[in-house]
Each structure stands twice: as C-alpha cells, then as structure tokens.
Amino acid sequence: MRIGVLGTGNMADALAAHWVRAGHEVTIGGRNAQKAERLAARLGGSAQPAGLRAAAEFAQVVLAALPFGAGASVARELRAALRGKVLIDCSNPVGPGFRLLTRNGLSAAQQLAAAAPGTQVVKAFNLCHENVWRMSPPVFDGRPLAVPVCGDDETALALVHQLVRDVGCEPVVGGGLERAGLLEATAAFFIGLWVGEGVDAQAIAPPLAYAAGPGRPGPDDAGKASRQESSAP
C-alpha cells in the first residue's frame, strides 16, 4: 500500500514506523523539508521525504497527523491531490480544561471531509497517546488494543482496518463518519479522566457480558438461542 503522511510529529512517527515495518511504501510529507528528511531517515526502509502535496499525490491512503485547526486548512490546500484518496484523521479537538473545541459544530473528521470533497475520510487512532502507538504491538493483559474506526466507504474502511492490524491492533466498526464526533468526545472525556483526575477509564465500563445488566440477555444470547433451537432434534 502507498501511504502518505502529512506531518512530521509524534503521531506521524509512531504510526508510520509500524507501516514501514509491515512493508508499505511510506512518504513523509512536511512543510519543513529538513524535518521530513530526518523522520524518513529515522524510519528507514521504504520511507521517503517529500512536501505535503507530493505525499498526498503519491498515496492511496493519507494520514493527516496534524493538530486540530491545521488539518482542515491543509486538506483545503491539497483538495485536488486528495480527491479519490482515503484520508485518516487521528486528531483530537481538545482544548484547555479538556474542553471539546467542536461543540455544536462539525467534528474534526467532518471538517476534513468538507474541506476536501471527493476524499473518503476515516476517523481512527485518536484515543491513545502516541507512546501507546509506539508499542510493538500495543497489547495489554494479553489482549491487543481495539481501535474504533468511523467512515462511510467500505473500500476505505477495509484499507484502514488493514492498517490497524499492521499496528498490531484489532479494528472495531464504529459506524459512519457522522459518529466521528462521538469518538472525539470520548477522547476529551477520557483524557480528562486520565490526566485531570488520575482515573483508570477502563474501570467505568462493565465486561460485555454485563452490558445489559446482571442476569439479562447479552448481545449474543439471541443468536445462541436461535442456533440451539435449529440444532435441536
């Protein structure tokens, strides 16, 4: 797969490292040529430096590893080069006090889609610190990290799911792009718990078997009952 990375910061570094190791062709795009060259040299393998436009033109899939606020302006600038491409948004529009900066408006991912019509935008990789993505692989208590993915195009989603697996994680179907705002709000809430309160966010949700309450049918029970009935003599 040909992957273009817009940005030369920590998220670009962390995710691109996995994709280079997985054998993808990766072009690092940056406004600062020296930063792009340094990151490409550190990644090694197939990684090559380029400008932002060249990275977008090269790629099938583009990672927008850009801060919220910069992403939409860059997408607008590169909209011709991005047309027909898959654009992954990993940004978090979170401001001081862990405040969501997109309140009562479009999500960051939807803003990218509006800025670059004809681009298939997919929201993913926004719920963890870059150092989690640097893990090889991100596995906790023997279980690979799950990565929610939101998007509208099945082909685009299939490509991003593969890139999630190449990081060593498991993709989770998160619904269409209209649900990207829920992912961004989840990130704001979790960051506030983790950083602001020192709370383990995983502790706020019960195991899946208890999602409907103790003793109540779980999400798989209907299917199990149906299978049991069909196999009965």
C-alpha atoms as a PDB file:
ATOM      1  CA  MET A   1       0.000   0.000   0.000  1.00  0.00           C
ATOM      2  CA  ARG A   2       1.213   3.521  -0.765  1.00  0.00           C
ATOM      3  CA  ILE A   3       0.816   5.710   2.319  1.00  0.00           C
ATOM      4  CA  GLY A   4       1.335   9.448   2.528  1.00  0.00           C
ATOM      5  CA  VAL A   5       1.838  11.018   5.940  1.00  0.00           C
ATOM      6  CA  LEU A   6       1.003  14.696   6.364  1.00  0.00           C
ATOM      7  CA  GLY A   7       3.060  15.912   9.303  1.00  0.00           C
ATOM      8  CA  THR A   8       6.361  15.120  10.948  1.00  0.00           C
ATOM      9  CA  GLY A   9       5.378  14.999  14.624  1.00  0.00           C
ATOM     10  CA  ASN A  10       4.924  12.242  17.179  1.00  0.00           C
ATOM     11  CA  MET A  11       1.814  10.610  15.706  1.00  0.00           C
ATOM     12  CA  ALA A  12       3.373  10.572  12.243  1.00  0.00           C
ATOM     13  CA  ASP A  13       6.482   8.927  13.677  1.00  0.00           C
ATOM     14  CA  ALA A  14       4.643   6.362  15.819  1.00  0.00           C
ATOM     15  CA  LEU A  15       2.175   5.097  13.205  1.00  0.00           C
ATOM     16  CA  ALA A  16       4.427   5.297  10.156  1.00  0.00           C
ATOM     17  CA  ALA A  17       7.038   3.145  11.908  1.00  0.00           C
ATOM     18  CA  HIS A  18       4.586   0.218  12.005  1.00  0.00           C
ATOM     19  CA  TRP A  19       3.580   0.651   8.387  1.00  0.00           C
ATOM     20  CA  VAL A  20       7.179   0.771   7.184  1.00  0.00           C
ATOM     21  CA  ARG A  21       7.891  -2.462   9.091  1.00  0.00           C
ATOM     22  CA  ALA A  22       4.790  -4.019   7.512  1.00  0.00           C
ATOM     23  CA  GLY A  23       6.273  -3.394   4.070  1.00  0.00           C
ATOM     24  CA  HIS A  24       4.157  -0.457   2.899  1.00  0.00           C
ATOM     25  CA  GLU A  25       5.619   2.352   0.811  1.00  0.00           C
ATOM     26  CA  VAL A  26       5.559   5.439   3.027  1.00  0.00           C
ATOM     27  CA  THR A  27       6.178   9.057   2.038  1.00  0.00           C
ATOM     28  CA  ILE A  28       6.579  11.599   4.827  1.00  0.00           C
ATOM     29  CA  GLY A  29       5.222  14.999   3.836  1.00  0.00           C
ATOM     30  CA  GLY A  30       6.076  18.196   5.664  1.00  0.00           C
ATOM     31  CA  ARG A  31       6.342  21.908   5.088  1.00  0.00           C
ATOM     32  CA  ASN A  32       9.794  21.739   6.669  1.00  0.00           C
ATOM     33  CA  ALA A  33      11.950  19.648   4.331  1.00  0.00           C
ATOM     34  CA  GLN A  34      14.610  19.003   6.974  1.00  0.00           C
ATOM     35  CA  LYS A  35      12.077  17.599   9.448  1.00  0.00           C
ATOM     36  CA  ALA A  36      10.615  15.339   6.765  1.00  0.00           C
ATOM     37  CA  GLU A  37      14.090  14.130   5.840  1.00  0.00           C
ATOM     38  CA  ARG A  38      15.030  13.431   9.457  1.00  0.00           C
ATOM     39  CA  LEU A  39      11.852  11.467  10.117  1.00  0.00           C
ATOM     40  CA  ALA A  40      12.164   9.445   6.904  1.00  0.00           C
ATOM     41  CA  ALA A  41      15.796   8.640   7.744  1.00  0.00           C
ATOM     42  CA  ARG A  42      14.830   7.530  11.264  1.00  0.00           C
ATOM     43  CA  LEU A  43      12.055   5.301   9.932  1.00  0.00           C
ATOM     44  CA  GLY A  44      14.318   3.739   7.315  1.00  0.00           C
ATOM     45  CA  GLY A  45      13.035   1.068   4.962  1.00  0.00           C
ATOM     46  CA  SER A  46      10.740   2.427   2.267  1.00  0.00           C
ATOM     47  CA  ALA A  47      10.229   5.806   3.936  1.00  0.00           C
ATOM     48  CA  GLN A  48      10.930   8.798   1.722  1.00  0.00           C
ATOM     49  CA  PRO A  49      10.674  12.549   2.450  1.00  0.00           C
ATOM     50  CA  ALA A  50       8.584  14.938   0.369  1.00  0.00           C
ATOM     51  CA  GLY A  51       6.448  18.042   0.551  1.00  0.00           C
ATOM     52  CA  LEU A  52       2.830  17.869   1.660  1.00  0.00           C
ATOM     53  CA  ARG A  53       1.392  17.906  -1.862  1.00  0.00           C
ATOM     54  CA  ALA A  54       3.812  15.279  -3.167  1.00  0.00           C
ATOM     55  CA  ALA A  55       2.997  12.965  -0.253  1.00  0.00           C
ATOM     56  CA  ALA A  56      -0.737  13.304  -0.962  1.00  0.00           C
ATOM     57  CA  GLU A  57      -0.297  12.749  -4.699  1.00  0.00           C
ATOM     58  CA  PHE A  58       1.828   9.632  -4.096  1.00  0.00           C
ATOM     59  CA  ALA A  59      -0.550   7.867  -1.756  1.00  0.00           C
ATOM     60  CA  GLN A  60      -3.582   5.604  -1.826  1.00  0.00           C
ATOM     61  CA  VAL A  61      -4.113   6.295   1.867  1.00  0.00           C
ATOM     62  CA  VAL A  62      -3.126   9.543   3.576  1.00  0.00           C
ATOM     63  CA  LEU A  63      -2.656  10.007   7.325  1.00  0.00           C
ATOM     64  CA  ALA A  64      -3.424  13.545   8.486  1.00  0.00           C
ATOM     65  CA  ALA A  65      -1.107  13.635  11.501  1.00  0.00           C
ATOM     66  CA  LEU A  66      -1.856  17.303  12.060  1.00  0.00           C
ATOM     67  CA  PRO A  67      -3.143  19.335  15.007  1.00  0.00           C
ATOM     68  CA  PHE A  68      -6.813  20.253  15.050  1.00  0.00           C
ATOM     69  CA  GLY A  69      -7.146  23.596  13.349  1.00  0.00           C
ATOM     70  CA  ALA A  70      -4.364  22.885  10.867  1.00  0.00           C
ATOM     71  CA  GLY A  71      -5.915  19.779   9.355  1.00  0.00           C
ATOM     72  CA  ALA A  72      -8.823  21.426   7.542  1.00  0.00           C
ATOM     73  CA  SER A  73      -6.673  24.200   6.075  1.00  0.00           C
ATOM     74  CA  VAL A  74      -4.114  21.682   4.778  1.00  0.00           C
ATOM     75  CA  ALA A  75      -6.888  19.471   3.354  1.00  0.00           C
ATOM     76  CA  ARG A  76      -8.379  22.503   1.608  1.00  0.00           C
ATOM     77  CA  GLU A  77      -4.986  23.403   0.167  1.00  0.00           C
ATOM     78  CA  LEU A  78      -4.445  19.819  -1.077  1.00  0.00           C
ATOM     79  CA  ARG A  79      -8.029  19.026  -2.076  1.00  0.00           C
ATOM     80  CA  ALA A  80      -7.144  18.261  -5.706  1.00  0.00           C
ATOM     81  CA  ALA A  81      -4.335  15.888  -4.679  1.00  0.00           C
ATOM     82  CA  LEU A  82      -6.571  14.218  -2.064  1.00  0.00           C
ATOM     83  CA  ARG A  83      -9.561  13.619  -4.349  1.00  0.00           C
ATOM     84  CA  GLY A  84     -10.339   9.912  -4.551  1.00  0.00           C
ATOM     85  CA  LYS A  85      -7.916   9.090  -1.727  1.00  0.00           C
ATOM     86  CA  VAL A  86      -8.556   7.725   1.760  1.00  0.00           C
ATOM     87  CA  LEU A  87      -7.738  10.318   4.429  1.00  0.00           C
ATOM     88  CA  ILE A  88      -7.281   9.137   8.032  1.00  0.00           C
ATOM     89  CA  ASP A  89      -7.958  11.721  10.732  1.00  0.00           C
ATOM     90  CA  CYS A  90      -6.332  10.954  14.103  1.00  0.00           C
ATOM     91  CA  SER A  91      -6.713  14.424  15.605  1.00  0.00           C
ATOM     92  CA  ASN A  92      -8.391  15.353  18.870  1.00  0.00           C
ATOM     93  CA  PRO A  93     -10.080  18.762  19.068  1.00  0.00           C
ATOM     94  CA  VAL A  94      -9.458  19.111  22.804  1.00  0.00           C
ATOM     95  CA  GLY A  95      -8.630  22.447  24.397  1.00  0.00           C
ATOM     96  CA  PRO A  96      -7.821  23.826  27.854  1.00  0.00           C
ATOM     97  CA  GLY A  97      -9.777  22.168  30.628  1.00  0.00           C
ATOM     98  CA  PHE A  98     -10.234  19.114  28.374  1.00  0.00           C
ATOM     99  CA  ARG A  99     -12.918  21.050  26.535  1.00  0.00           C
ATOM    100  CA  LEU A 100     -14.149  19.770  23.182  1.00  0.00           C
ATOM    101  CA  LEU A 101     -13.444  22.518  20.650  1.00  0.00           C
ATOM    102  CA  THR A 102     -16.090  21.366  18.152  1.00  0.00           C
ATOM    103  CA  ARG A 103     -19.125  21.789  20.384  1.00  0.00           C
ATOM    104  CA  ASN A 104     -22.326  22.405  18.379  1.00  0.00           C
ATOM    105  CA  GLY A 105     -20.423  22.018  15.121  1.00  0.00           C
ATOM    106  CA  LEU A 106     -18.894  19.522  12.730  1.00  0.00           C
ATOM    107  CA  SER A 107     -16.415  17.009  14.089  1.00  0.00           C
ATOM    108  CA  ALA A 108     -12.763  17.403  13.139  1.00  0.00           C
ATOM    109  CA  ALA A 109     -13.158  14.492  10.712  1.00  0.00           C
ATOM    110  CA  GLN A 110     -16.238  16.037   9.097  1.00  0.00           C
ATOM    111  CA  GLN A 111     -14.366  19.324   8.734  1.00  0.00           C
ATOM    112  CA  LEU A 112     -11.661  17.492   6.773  1.00  0.00           C
ATOM    113  CA  ALA A 113     -14.317  15.920   4.556  1.00  0.00           C
ATOM    114  CA  ALA A 114     -15.896  19.315   3.923  1.00  0.00           C
ATOM    115  CA  ALA A 115     -12.505  20.848   3.122  1.00  0.00           C
ATOM    116  CA  ALA A 116     -11.597  18.156   0.572  1.00  0.00           C
ATOM    117  CA  PRO A 117     -14.727  16.980  -1.287  1.00  0.00           C
ATOM    118  CA  GLY A 118     -14.333  13.625  -3.012  1.00  0.00           C
ATOM    119  CA  THR A 119     -11.986  12.359  -0.290  1.00  0.00           C
ATOM    120  CA  GLN A 120     -13.006   9.360   1.826  1.00  0.00           C
ATOM    121  CA  VAL A 121     -12.288  10.491   5.400  1.00  0.00           C
ATOM    122  CA  VAL A 122     -11.962   7.849   8.124  1.00  0.00           C
ATOM    123  CA  LYS A 123     -11.605   8.577  11.855  1.00  0.00           C
ATOM    124  CA  ALA A 124      -9.171   6.294  13.700  1.00  0.00           C
ATOM    125  CA  PHE A 125      -6.173   6.210  16.070  1.00  0.00           C
ATOM    126  CA  ASN A 126      -7.391   9.141  18.195  1.00  0.00           C
ATOM    127  CA  LEU A 127      -7.974   7.512  21.593  1.00  0.00           C
ATOM    128  CA  CYS A 128      -4.364   6.876  22.680  1.00  0.00           C
ATOM    129  CA  HIS A 129      -1.189   8.788  23.425  1.00  0.00           C
ATOM    130  CA  GLU A 130       1.488   8.483  20.754  1.00  0.00           C
ATOM    131  CA  ASN A 131       3.637   6.359  23.066  1.00  0.00           C
ATOM    132  CA  VAL A 132       0.930   3.681  23.052  1.00  0.00           C
ATOM    133  CA  TRP A 133       1.155   3.594  19.263  1.00  0.00           C
ATOM    134  CA  ARG A 134       4.930   3.202  19.561  1.00  0.00           C
ATOM    135  CA  MET A 135       4.443  -0.125  21.349  1.00  0.00           C
ATOM    136  CA  SER A 136       5.139  -3.137  19.176  1.00  0.00           C
ATOM    137  CA  PRO A 137       2.465  -4.304  19.453  1.00  0.00           C
ATOM    138  CA  PRO A 138       0.030  -2.462  21.776  1.00  0.00           C
ATOM    139  CA  VAL A 139      -1.131  -5.448  23.850  1.00  0.00           C
ATOM    140  CA  PHE A 140      -2.490  -5.195  27.389  1.00  0.00           C
ATOM    141  CA  ASP A 141      -3.146  -8.211  29.632  1.00  0.00           C
ATOM    142  CA  GLY A 142      -2.686 -10.421  26.604  1.00  0.00           C
ATOM    143  CA  ARG A 143      -5.339  -8.628  24.569  1.00  0.00           C
ATOM    144  CA  PRO A 144      -4.495  -6.454  21.532  1.00  0.00           C
ATOM    145  CA  LEU A 145      -5.698  -2.867  21.750  1.00  0.00           C
ATOM    146  CA  ALA A 146      -9.028  -2.300  19.971  1.00  0.00           C
ATOM    147  CA  VAL A 147      -9.220   0.709  17.634  1.00  0.00           C
ATOM    148  CA  PRO A 148     -12.646   2.189  16.789  1.00  0.00           C
ATOM    149  CA  VAL A 149     -12.914   3.222  13.131  1.00  0.00           C
ATOM    150  CA  CYS A 150     -15.619   5.505  11.688  1.00  0.00           C
ATOM    151  CA  GLY A 151     -16.218   6.044   7.994  1.00  0.00           C
ATOM    152  CA  ASP A 152     -18.748   5.790   5.174  1.00  0.00           C
ATOM    153  CA  ASP A 153     -16.948   3.957   2.358  1.00  0.00           C
ATOM    154  CA  GLU A 154     -16.485   0.174   2.594  1.00  0.00           C
ATOM    155  CA  THR A 155     -13.312   0.121   0.490  1.00  0.00           C
ATOM    156  CA  ALA A 156     -11.762   2.904   2.552  1.00  0.00           C
ATOM    157  CA  LEU A 157     -12.720   1.151   5.781  1.00  0.00           C
ATOM    158  CA  ALA A 158     -11.162  -2.120   4.600  1.00  0.00           C
ATOM    159  CA  LEU A 159      -7.852  -0.362   3.917  1.00  0.00           C
ATOM    160  CA  VAL A 160      -7.846   1.367   7.293  1.00  0.00           C
ATOM    161  CA  HIS A 161      -8.766  -1.874   9.078  1.00  0.00           C
ATOM    162  CA  GLN A 162      -5.687  -3.453   7.480  1.00  0.00           C
ATOM    163  CA  LEU A 163      -3.505  -0.594   8.680  1.00  0.00           C
ATOM    164  CA  VAL A 164      -4.932  -1.012  12.197  1.00  0.00           C
ATOM    165  CA  ARG A 165      -3.949  -4.691  12.099  1.00  0.00           C
ATOM    166  CA  ASP A 166      -0.487  -3.728  10.840  1.00  0.00           C
ATOM    167  CA  VAL A 167      -0.046  -1.711  14.047  1.00  0.00           C
ATOM    168  CA  GLY A 168      -0.854  -4.909  15.974  1.00  0.00           C
ATOM    169  CA  CYS A 169      -4.358  -3.836  16.982  1.00  0.00           C
ATOM    170  CA  GLU A 170      -7.906  -5.002  16.280  1.00  0.00           C
ATOM    171  CA  PRO A 171     -10.249  -2.711  14.304  1.00  0.00           C
ATOM    172  CA  VAL A 172     -13.701  -2.051  15.745  1.00  0.00           C
ATOM    173  CA  VAL A 173     -16.555  -0.947  13.487  1.00  0.00           C
ATOM    174  CA  GLY A 174     -17.593   2.432  14.860  1.00  0.00           C
ATOM    175  CA  GLY A 175     -20.257   3.376  12.330  1.00  0.00           C
ATOM    176  CA  GLY A 176     -20.350   6.126   9.740  1.00  0.00           C
ATOM    177  CA  LEU A 177     -18.412   9.367   9.720  1.00  0.00           C
ATOM    178  CA  GLU A 178     -21.282  11.116  11.495  1.00  0.00           C
ATOM    179  CA  ARG A 179     -20.191   9.154  14.600  1.00  0.00           C
ATOM    180  CA  ALA A 180     -16.641  10.534  14.489  1.00  0.00           C
ATOM    181  CA  GLY A 181     -17.735  13.300  16.832  1.00  0.00           C
ATOM    182  CA  LEU A 182     -18.577  10.660  19.439  1.00  0.00           C
ATOM    183  CA  LEU A 183     -15.024   9.321  19.196  1.00  0.00           C
ATOM    184  CA  GLU A 184     -13.636  12.824  19.618  1.00  0.00           C
ATOM    185  CA  ALA A 185     -15.884  13.477  22.613  1.00  0.00           C
ATOM    186  CA  THR A 186     -14.807  10.128  24.098  1.00  0.00           C
ATOM    187  CA  ALA A 187     -11.188  11.201  23.752  1.00  0.00           C
ATOM    188  CA  ALA A 188     -11.887  14.504  25.508  1.00  0.00           C
ATOM    189  CA  PHE A 189     -13.697  12.696  28.333  1.00  0.00           C
ATOM    190  CA  PHE A 190     -11.030  10.011  28.717  1.00  0.00           C
ATOM    191  CA  ILE A 191      -8.158  12.499  28.655  1.00  0.00           C
ATOM    192  CA  GLY A 192      -9.906  14.471  31.389  1.00  0.00           C
ATOM    193  CA  LEU A 193     -10.226  11.319  33.497  1.00  0.00           C
ATOM    194  CA  TRP A 194      -6.698  10.070  32.836  1.00  0.00           C
ATOM    195  CA  VAL A 195      -4.803  13.340  33.083  1.00  0.00           C
ATOM    196  CA  GLY A 196      -7.094  15.518  35.153  1.00  0.00           C
ATOM    197  CA  GLU A 197      -8.347  13.023  37.718  1.00  0.00           C
ATOM    198  CA  GLY A 198      -5.919  10.100  37.506  1.00  0.00           C
ATOM    199  CA  VAL A 199      -8.828   7.701  36.935  1.00  0.00           C
ATOM    200  CA  ASP A 200      -8.499   4.407  35.053  1.00  0.00           C
ATOM    201  CA  ALA A 201     -11.104   4.948  32.341  1.00  0.00           C
ATOM    202  CA  GLN A 202     -11.378   1.209  31.691  1.00  0.00           C
ATOM    203  CA  ALA A 203     -12.891   0.815  35.145  1.00  0.00           C
ATOM    204  CA  ILE A 204     -16.033   2.766  34.222  1.00  0.00           C
ATOM    205  CA  ALA A 205     -17.428   0.057  31.901  1.00  0.00           C
ATOM    206  CA  PRO A 206     -18.543  -3.456  32.944  1.00  0.00           C
ATOM    207  CA  PRO A 207     -17.490  -6.531  30.965  1.00  0.00           C
ATOM    208  CA  LEU A 208     -19.528  -7.150  27.813  1.00  0.00           C
ATOM    209  CA  ALA A 209     -21.464  -9.991  29.457  1.00  0.00           C
ATOM    210  CA  TYR A 210     -22.894  -7.451  31.905  1.00  0.00           C
ATOM    211  CA  ALA A 211     -23.623  -4.692  29.396  1.00  0.00           C
ATOM    212  CA  ALA A 212     -27.369  -5.334  29.626  1.00  0.00           C
ATOM    213  CA  GLY A 213     -27.261  -5.817  33.402  1.00  0.00           C
ATOM    214  CA  PRO A 214     -26.685  -8.917  35.567  1.00  0.00           C
ATOM    215  CA  GLY A 215     -28.919 -11.807  34.562  1.00  0.00           C
ATOM    216  CA  ARG A 216     -30.228 -10.044  31.465  1.00  0.00           C
ATOM    217  CA  PRO A 217     -29.732 -11.352  27.919  1.00  0.00           C
ATOM    218  CA  GLY A 218     -26.417 -10.308  26.456  1.00  0.00           C
ATOM    219  CA  PRO A 219     -25.772  -9.231  22.836  1.00  0.00           C
ATOM    220  CA  ASP A 220     -25.039 -12.802  21.699  1.00  0.00           C
ATOM    221  CA  ASP A 221     -27.812 -14.600  23.580  1.00  0.00           C
ATOM    222  CA  ALA A 222     -30.439 -14.283  20.855  1.00  0.00           C
ATOM    223  CA  GLY A 223     -28.064 -15.795  18.319  1.00  0.00           C
ATOM    224  CA  LYS A 224     -27.115 -18.588  20.703  1.00  0.00           C
ATOM    225  CA  ALA A 225     -30.760 -19.421  21.367  1.00  0.00           C
ATOM    226  CA  SER A 226     -31.517 -19.472  17.659  1.00  0.00           C
ATOM    227  CA  ARG A 227     -28.611 -21.819  16.981  1.00  0.00           C
ATOM    228  CA  GLN A 228     -29.646 -24.115  19.820  1.00  0.00           C
ATOM    229  CA  GLU A 229     -33.230 -24.287  18.509  1.00  0.00           C
ATOM    230  CA  SER A 230     -32.102 -25.049  14.981  1.00  0.00           C
ATOM    231  CA  SER A 231     -29.837 -27.863  16.187  1.00  0.00           C
ATOM    232  CA  ALA A 232     -32.460 -29.427  18.457  1.00  0.00           C
ATOM    233  CA  PRO A 233     -33.812 -32.842  17.310  1.00  0.00           C
END
